[in-house]
Each structure stands twice: as C-alpha cells, then as structure tokens.
Amino acid sequence: MGRLTETDGAWTVRQGGRDRIWDAIEHHVNRWREHGAPELDQFTATPNGHTITWPGN
C-alpha cells in the first residue's frame, strides 16, 4: 500500500508492503528521459501487455 500526497506544490510518496512500486516507476521514468523521452508512437508492447520497450531501450 502506498500514498501520494501534495503539500504546497511538493509531492511526497509513502511506500508500504513488499514491492517498492514507486521506486520501479521512478527507475523507468528516468530511463525514458535518458533516451530522449521518445513519443508514444515509438513504443511497442508485448502480447501480454506487461512489457513496453522503445528504440534504444
């Protein structure tokens, strides 16, 4: 379980439970930015819908 709160324009994430979901999200957003923030039309997804890749990924 987690919580995302905003106070005076600053966001705070509180994570709980076994999986560190927000850490994983930040990791992937940073990788996306490092690759030049490719447009959505450059993404492909696997048939199971759980993996998204883009050129240079």
C-alpha atoms as a PDB file:
ATOM      1  CA  MET A   1       0.000   0.000   0.000  1.00  0.00           C
ATOM      2  CA  GLY A   2       1.209   3.493  -0.676  1.00  0.00           C
ATOM      3  CA  ARG A   3       0.142   7.075  -0.644  1.00  0.00           C
ATOM      4  CA  LEU A   4       0.926  10.120  -2.767  1.00  0.00           C
ATOM      5  CA  THR A   5       0.270  13.500  -1.153  1.00  0.00           C
ATOM      6  CA  GLU A   6       0.842  17.111  -2.191  1.00  0.00           C
ATOM      7  CA  THR A   7       1.635  19.949   0.192  1.00  0.00           C
ATOM      8  CA  ASP A   8       2.415  23.446  -1.088  1.00  0.00           C
ATOM      9  CA  GLY A   9       3.480  22.123  -4.503  1.00  0.00           C
ATOM     10  CA  ALA A  10       5.781  19.415  -3.107  1.00  0.00           C
ATOM     11  CA  TRP A  11       4.846  15.773  -3.633  1.00  0.00           C
ATOM     12  CA  THR A  12       5.596  13.026  -1.113  1.00  0.00           C
ATOM     13  CA  VAL A  13       5.339   9.298  -1.755  1.00  0.00           C
ATOM     14  CA  ARG A  14       4.913   6.854   1.086  1.00  0.00           C
ATOM     15  CA  GLN A  15       5.511   3.229   0.157  1.00  0.00           C
ATOM     16  CA  GLY A  16       4.417   0.178   2.075  1.00  0.00           C
ATOM     17  CA  GLY A  17       4.318  -3.529   1.516  1.00  0.00           C
ATOM     18  CA  ARG A  18       6.740  -5.950  -0.080  1.00  0.00           C
ATOM     19  CA  ASP A  19       7.058  -4.357  -3.542  1.00  0.00           C
ATOM     20  CA  ARG A  20       8.646  -0.917  -3.946  1.00  0.00           C
ATOM     21  CA  ILE A  21       6.356   0.154  -6.787  1.00  0.00           C
ATOM     22  CA  TRP A  22       7.246   3.860  -6.757  1.00  0.00           C
ATOM     23  CA  ASP A  23      10.974   3.038  -6.925  1.00  0.00           C
ATOM     24  CA  ALA A  24      10.313   0.976 -10.059  1.00  0.00           C
ATOM     25  CA  ILE A  25       8.229   3.768 -11.613  1.00  0.00           C
ATOM     26  CA  GLU A  26      10.967   6.348 -10.990  1.00  0.00           C
ATOM     27  CA  HIS A  27      13.579   3.998 -12.460  1.00  0.00           C
ATOM     28  CA  HIS A  28      11.619   3.579 -15.688  1.00  0.00           C
ATOM     29  CA  VAL A  29      10.716   7.273 -15.998  1.00  0.00           C
ATOM     30  CA  ASN A  30      14.399   8.170 -15.603  1.00  0.00           C
ATOM     31  CA  ARG A  31      15.375   5.631 -18.307  1.00  0.00           C
ATOM     32  CA  TRP A  32      12.708   7.056 -20.616  1.00  0.00           C
ATOM     33  CA  ARG A  33      14.078  10.580 -20.059  1.00  0.00           C
ATOM     34  CA  GLU A  34      17.680   9.375 -20.632  1.00  0.00           C
ATOM     35  CA  HIS A  35      16.559   8.058 -24.045  1.00  0.00           C
ATOM     36  CA  GLY A  36      15.210  11.466 -25.043  1.00  0.00           C
ATOM     37  CA  ALA A  37      11.610  10.928 -23.865  1.00  0.00           C
ATOM     38  CA  PRO A  38      10.504   9.099 -27.042  1.00  0.00           C
ATOM     39  CA  GLU A  39       6.995   9.736 -28.366  1.00  0.00           C
ATOM     40  CA  LEU A  40       4.332   7.084 -27.785  1.00  0.00           C
ATOM     41  CA  ASP A  41       4.324   6.068 -31.454  1.00  0.00           C
ATOM     42  CA  GLN A  42       7.865   4.715 -30.929  1.00  0.00           C
ATOM     43  CA  PHE A  43       6.748   2.270 -28.220  1.00  0.00           C
ATOM     44  CA  THR A  44       5.926  -1.368 -28.784  1.00  0.00           C
ATOM     45  CA  ALA A  45       4.297  -3.705 -26.302  1.00  0.00           C
ATOM     46  CA  THR A  46       4.484  -7.456 -25.906  1.00  0.00           C
ATOM     47  CA  PRO A  47       1.343  -9.580 -26.345  1.00  0.00           C
ATOM     48  CA  ASN A  48       0.942  -9.972 -22.570  1.00  0.00           C
ATOM     49  CA  GLY A  49       0.912  -6.179 -22.204  1.00  0.00           C
ATOM     50  CA  HIS A  50       3.329  -6.165 -19.258  1.00  0.00           C
ATOM     51  CA  THR A  51       6.497  -5.112 -21.065  1.00  0.00           C
ATOM     52  CA  ILE A  52       6.983  -1.877 -23.001  1.00  0.00           C
ATOM     53  CA  THR A  53      10.107  -1.180 -24.994  1.00  0.00           C
ATOM     54  CA  TRP A  54      11.286   1.584 -27.308  1.00  0.00           C
ATOM     55  CA  PRO A  55      14.254   2.031 -29.633  1.00  0.00           C
ATOM     56  CA  GLY A  56      17.485   2.278 -27.660  1.00  0.00           C
ATOM     57  CA  ASN A  57      15.866   0.649 -24.644  1.00  0.00           C
END
